[in-house]
C-alpha atoms as a PDB file:
ATOM      1  CA  MET A   1     -16.282  17.548   2.340  1.00  0.00           C
ATOM      2  CA  ALA A   2     -14.388  16.094   5.326  1.00  0.00           C
ATOM      3  CA  MET A   3     -10.840  14.903   4.869  1.00  0.00           C
ATOM      4  CA  GLN A   4     -10.522  11.121   4.604  1.00  0.00           C
ATOM      5  CA  ALA A   5      -8.666   9.531   7.526  1.00  0.00           C
ATOM      6  CA  LEU A   6      -5.317   7.978   6.579  1.00  0.00           C
ATOM      7  CA  TYR A   7      -4.137   4.645   7.965  1.00  0.00           C
ATOM      8  CA  LEU A   8      -1.265   2.271   7.346  1.00  0.00           C
ATOM      9  CA  ALA A   9      -2.050  -1.373   6.618  1.00  0.00           C
ATOM     10  CA  ASP A  10      -1.655  -2.290  10.305  1.00  0.00           C
ATOM     11  CA  GLY A  11      -4.276   0.300  11.315  1.00  0.00           C
ATOM     12  CA  THR A  12      -1.828   2.928  12.545  1.00  0.00           C
ATOM     13  CA  PRO A  13      -3.070   6.478  11.787  1.00  0.00           C
ATOM     14  CA  THR A  14      -0.701   8.453   9.571  1.00  0.00           C
ATOM     15  CA  SER A  15      -0.471  11.884   7.935  1.00  0.00           C
ATOM     16  CA  LYS A  16       0.062  13.236   4.443  1.00  0.00           C
ATOM     17  CA  ASP A  17       3.412  14.660   5.560  1.00  0.00           C
ATOM     18  CA  THR A  18       4.601  11.253   6.810  1.00  0.00           C
ATOM     19  CA  ILE A  19       3.496   9.683   3.530  1.00  0.00           C
ATOM     20  CA  ARG A  20       5.269  12.374   1.475  1.00  0.00           C
ATOM     21  CA  ARG A  21       8.534  11.770   3.348  1.00  0.00           C
ATOM     22  CA  ALA A  22       8.232   7.994   2.985  1.00  0.00           C
ATOM     23  CA  VAL A  23       7.578   8.159  -0.767  1.00  0.00           C
ATOM     24  CA  ALA A  24      10.527  10.536  -1.266  1.00  0.00           C
ATOM     25  CA  ALA A  25      12.794   8.173   0.706  1.00  0.00           C
ATOM     26  CA  HIS A  26      11.516   5.075  -1.180  1.00  0.00           C
ATOM     27  CA  ARG A  27      10.110   3.591   2.038  1.00  0.00           C
ATOM     28  CA  ALA A  28       6.411   3.457   1.013  1.00  0.00           C
ATOM     29  CA  VAL A  29       5.034   0.189  -0.379  1.00  0.00           C
ATOM     30  CA  ILE A  30       1.621  -0.415  -1.909  1.00  0.00           C
ATOM     31  CA  ARG A  31       0.314  -3.926  -1.198  1.00  0.00           C
ATOM     32  CA  TRP A  32      -2.478  -5.111  -3.470  1.00  0.00           C
ATOM     33  CA  ALA A  33      -5.038  -7.848  -2.768  1.00  0.00           C
ATOM     34  CA  HIS A  34      -8.369  -9.064  -4.079  1.00  0.00           C
ATOM     35  CA  GLY A  35     -11.491  -7.878  -2.292  1.00  0.00           C
ATOM     36  CA  ASN A  36     -15.060  -6.706  -2.856  1.00  0.00           C
ATOM     37  CA  TRP A  37     -14.888  -7.302  -6.608  1.00  0.00           C
ATOM     38  CA  HIS A  38     -11.878  -4.992  -6.954  1.00  0.00           C
ATOM     39  CA  ASN A  39      -8.147  -5.171  -6.469  1.00  0.00           C
ATOM     40  CA  ILE A  40      -7.617  -2.975  -3.428  1.00  0.00           C
ATOM     41  CA  ALA A  41      -4.440  -1.483  -1.989  1.00  0.00           C
ATOM     42  CA  SER A  42      -3.050  -0.748   1.448  1.00  0.00           C
ATOM     43  CA  LEU A  43      -0.019   1.306   2.413  1.00  0.00           C
ATOM     44  CA  HIS A  44       3.017   0.046   4.304  1.00  0.00           C
ATOM     45  CA  ILE A  45       5.823   2.372   5.414  1.00  0.00           C
ATOM     46  CA  TYR A  46       9.138   0.773   6.348  1.00  0.00           C
ATOM     47  CA  ASN A  47      12.057   2.134   8.360  1.00  0.00           C
ATOM     48  CA  ASP A  48      14.510   1.983   5.459  1.00  0.00           C
ATOM     49  CA  ALA A  49      14.559   1.809   1.666  1.00  0.00           C
ATOM     50  CA  GLU A  50      16.266  -1.593   1.624  1.00  0.00           C
ATOM     51  CA  THR A  51      13.459  -3.260   3.580  1.00  0.00           C
ATOM     52  CA  ALA A  52      10.852  -1.461   1.467  1.00  0.00           C
ATOM     53  CA  ALA A  53      12.513  -2.682  -1.763  1.00  0.00           C
ATOM     54  CA  TYR A  54      12.506  -6.249  -0.421  1.00  0.00           C
ATOM     55  CA  GLU A  55       8.835  -5.998   0.572  1.00  0.00           C
ATOM     56  CA  ALA A  56       7.923  -4.408  -2.776  1.00  0.00           C
ATOM     57  CA  ASP A  57       9.048  -7.639  -4.480  1.00  0.00           C
ATOM     58  CA  ARG A  58       6.557  -9.714  -2.472  1.00  0.00           C
ATOM     59  CA  ASN A  59       4.142 -11.540  -4.789  1.00  0.00           C
ATOM     60  CA  THR A  60       2.016 -14.582  -3.942  1.00  0.00           C
ATOM     61  CA  ILE A  61      -0.003 -14.754  -7.171  1.00  0.00           C
ATOM     62  CA  GLY A  62      -0.422 -18.403  -8.157  1.00  0.00           C
ATOM     63  CA  GLN A  63       1.093 -19.625  -4.874  1.00  0.00           C
ATOM     64  CA  CYS A  64      -2.096 -19.684  -2.778  1.00  0.00           C
ATOM     65  CA  TYR A  65      -4.944 -22.164  -2.448  1.00  0.00           C
ATOM     66  CA  SER A  66      -7.425 -19.427  -3.345  1.00  0.00           C
ATOM     67  CA  MET A  67      -6.965 -16.282  -5.430  1.00  0.00           C
ATOM     68  CA  TRP A  68      -8.568 -14.378  -2.531  1.00  0.00           C
ATOM     69  CA  GLU A  69      -5.429 -15.042  -0.482  1.00  0.00           C
ATOM     70  CA  GLU A  70      -3.068 -13.612  -3.119  1.00  0.00           C
ATOM     71  CA  SER A  71      -1.218 -10.331  -2.681  1.00  0.00           C
ATOM     72  CA  TRP A  72       1.409  -8.423  -4.636  1.00  0.00           C
ATOM     73  CA  SER A  73       3.376  -5.286  -3.904  1.00  0.00           C
ATOM     74  CA  GLU A  74       5.192  -2.348  -5.466  1.00  0.00           C
ATOM     75  CA  LEU A  75       7.023   0.746  -4.293  1.00  0.00           C
ATOM     76  CA  ALA A  76       4.642   3.705  -4.204  1.00  0.00           C
ATOM     77  CA  SER A  77       5.312   5.640  -7.395  1.00  0.00           C
ATOM     78  CA  THR A  78       3.607   8.890  -6.389  1.00  0.00           C
ATOM     79  CA  VAL A  79       2.501  10.640  -3.226  1.00  0.00           C
ATOM     80  CA  GLY A  80      -1.067  10.724  -4.563  1.00  0.00           C
ATOM     81  CA  GLN A  81      -1.100   6.957  -5.082  1.00  0.00           C
ATOM     82  CA  ALA A  82       0.200   6.403  -1.527  1.00  0.00           C
ATOM     83  CA  ILE A  83      -2.338   8.807  -0.002  1.00  0.00           C
ATOM     84  CA  ARG A  84      -5.215   7.112  -1.856  1.00  0.00           C
ATOM     85  CA  ALA A  85      -3.999   3.708  -0.592  1.00  0.00           C
ATOM     86  CA  ALA A  86      -3.828   5.021   3.007  1.00  0.00           C
ATOM     87  CA  ALA A  87      -7.360   6.384   2.620  1.00  0.00           C
ATOM     88  CA  GLY A  88      -8.665   3.053   1.277  1.00  0.00           C
ATOM     89  CA  LEU A  89      -9.470   4.659  -2.068  1.00  0.00           C
ATOM     90  CA  LEU A  90      -6.897   3.035  -4.376  1.00  0.00           C
ATOM     91  CA  LYS A  91      -8.724   0.323  -6.344  1.00  0.00           C
ATOM     92  CA  VAL A  92      -8.646  -1.276  -9.764  1.00  0.00           C
ATOM     93  CA  SER A  93     -11.696  -3.074 -11.140  1.00  0.00           C
END
């Protein structure tokens, strides 16, 4: 089985090593949104933990015209979670 390509939310290719370092430094943020009948996640990596903590508090649930525009965020809790988000495989039905 081929390894799944890893991308940040802005489309920038990334690596497992970069993700591991970002999670350890509290710079990796999972951003959730509605899509394709699932809640799906993308990965953001910030330059510092302070910015990541600020971004992890971002939540637009109930503030949008349509639920399809809503998003909410959290600091990545594990490397595995962050890697699955970068691969487009982190979903909740």
